[in-house]
Protein backbone atom coordinates (compact mmCIF):
# COMPACT_ATOMS: atom_id res chain seq x y z
CA MET A 1 -30.12 -26.00 -6.89
CA LYS A 2 -31.00 -22.71 -8.59
CA LYS A 3 -31.59 -21.20 -5.12
CA TRP A 4 -28.04 -22.11 -4.07
CA MET A 5 -26.58 -20.82 -7.17
CA ALA A 6 -28.36 -17.49 -6.61
CA ILE A 7 -26.92 -17.30 -3.02
CA LEU A 8 -23.49 -18.05 -4.34
CA VAL A 9 -23.63 -15.33 -6.88
CA ILE A 10 -24.76 -12.83 -4.24
CA LEU A 11 -21.88 -13.88 -1.86
CA MET A 12 -19.16 -14.02 -4.48
CA PRO A 13 -18.49 -10.31 -4.58
CA GLY A 14 -18.02 -10.34 -0.88
CA VAL A 15 -15.46 -13.19 -1.17
CA VAL A 16 -13.53 -11.32 -3.91
CA PHE A 17 -13.71 -8.10 -1.80
CA ALA A 18 -12.28 -9.98 1.20
CA GLN A 19 -9.46 -11.36 -0.88
CA ASN A 20 -8.80 -7.94 -2.37
CA HIS A 21 -8.99 -6.46 1.15
CA ASP A 22 -6.23 -8.73 2.38
CA VAL A 23 -3.95 -8.09 -0.60
CA CYS A 24 -4.72 -4.36 -0.59
CA SER A 25 -4.24 -4.12 3.17
CA LEU A 26 -0.67 -5.55 2.91
CA GLU A 27 0.03 -3.18 0.01
CA SER A 28 -1.23 -0.26 2.01
CA GLN A 29 0.94 -1.26 5.02
CA GLN A 30 3.95 -1.58 2.79
CA ALA A 31 3.25 1.97 1.42
CA GLU A 32 2.97 3.25 4.98
CA VAL A 33 6.43 1.75 5.89
CA ILE A 34 7.96 3.30 2.77
CA MET A 35 6.64 6.64 3.59
CA ASP A 36 7.58 6.40 7.19
CA LEU A 37 11.19 5.56 6.20
CA ARG A 38 11.10 8.56 3.65
CA GLN A 39 9.82 10.90 6.42
CA SER A 40 12.64 9.57 8.63
CA ASN A 41 15.10 11.06 6.12
CA LEU A 42 16.41 7.79 4.89
CA PRO A 43 18.12 8.38 1.62
CA MET A 44 16.12 6.86 -1.32
CA ARG A 45 19.17 4.82 -2.51
CA ASP A 46 19.50 3.16 0.94
CA LEU A 47 15.83 2.33 0.94
CA VAL A 48 15.98 0.73 -2.57
CA SER A 49 19.20 -1.19 -1.61
CA MET A 50 17.50 -2.65 1.50
CA MET A 51 14.37 -3.63 -0.34
CA LYS A 52 16.38 -5.28 -3.21
CA ALA A 53 18.57 -7.21 -0.61
CA GLN A 54 15.30 -8.51 0.91
CA GLY A 55 13.84 -9.47 -2.57
CA MET A 56 11.06 -6.98 -1.95
CA TYR A 57 11.66 -4.49 -4.76
CA ASP A 58 9.38 -4.89 -7.77
CA LYS A 59 7.47 -2.57 -10.14
CA LYS A 60 4.74 -1.83 -7.38
CA THR A 61 7.28 -1.01 -4.86
CA GLU A 62 9.39 1.04 -7.24
CA VAL A 63 6.29 3.25 -7.83
CA MET A 64 5.69 3.55 -4.08
CA VAL A 65 9.31 4.66 -3.42
CA ARG A 66 9.32 7.17 -6.28
CA VAL A 67 6.00 8.72 -5.21
CA ALA A 68 7.02 8.85 -1.52
CA TYR A 69 10.31 10.67 -2.30
CA GLU A 70 8.44 13.16 -4.61
CA ARG A 71 6.52 14.35 -1.49
CA PRO A 72 8.14 16.95 0.82
CA GLU A 73 9.48 15.87 4.12
CA ALA A 74 7.09 16.81 6.94
CA ARG A 75 8.40 18.96 9.75
CA SER A 76 6.25 17.83 12.63
CA GLU A 77 5.46 14.31 13.96
CA LYS A 78 1.78 14.96 13.51
CA TYR A 79 2.18 15.81 9.87
CA LYS A 80 4.56 12.84 9.28
CA GLU A 81 1.87 10.51 10.74
CA LYS A 82 -0.66 12.24 8.47
CA GLN A 83 1.53 11.81 5.40
CA LYS A 84 2.01 8.08 6.22
CA VAL A 85 -1.74 7.34 6.57
CA GLU A 86 -2.82 9.34 3.56
CA PHE A 87 -0.12 7.49 1.50
CA GLY A 88 -1.30 4.06 2.68
CA ASN A 89 -4.82 5.05 2.02
CA ALA A 90 -4.03 6.16 -1.63
CA PHE A 91 -2.36 2.86 -2.44
CA TYR A 92 -5.16 0.82 -0.70
CA GLN A 93 -7.74 2.71 -2.75
CA ASP A 94 -5.67 2.26 -5.97
CA CYS A 95 -5.52 -1.48 -5.25
CA ILE A 96 -9.23 -1.91 -4.46
CA ASN A 97 -10.09 -0.13 -7.65
CA ARG A 98 -7.99 -2.41 -9.82
C-alpha cells in the first residue's frame, strides 16, 4: 500500500501540470486571438462588444484586451505574428505560474 501511495505522490504533480497545461493552453490561445484582432486594427470597443455578446468577457479577458491594446500596432506580417506568439506565451507562462 505504501509503495502505491509513493507512486501516486510522484505522479500527482504531472497530473496537476497536465490539467494546468490544458487550461493555460486555452488561455494562451485566447490571448493570441485577442492580439491578432488588435494587430488587425479592430477597435478595442468592437472587440469588447463582440466578447460581451458571446459571454466571453471576464476579468481575465479584460486584462488581455487592455494589455494587447497598450502594445503598438506592428507594421509587418512577420512582426504581427511575433507579437501574437509572444503575447500568448506571456499569458501561458503567467497561468502556469499561478
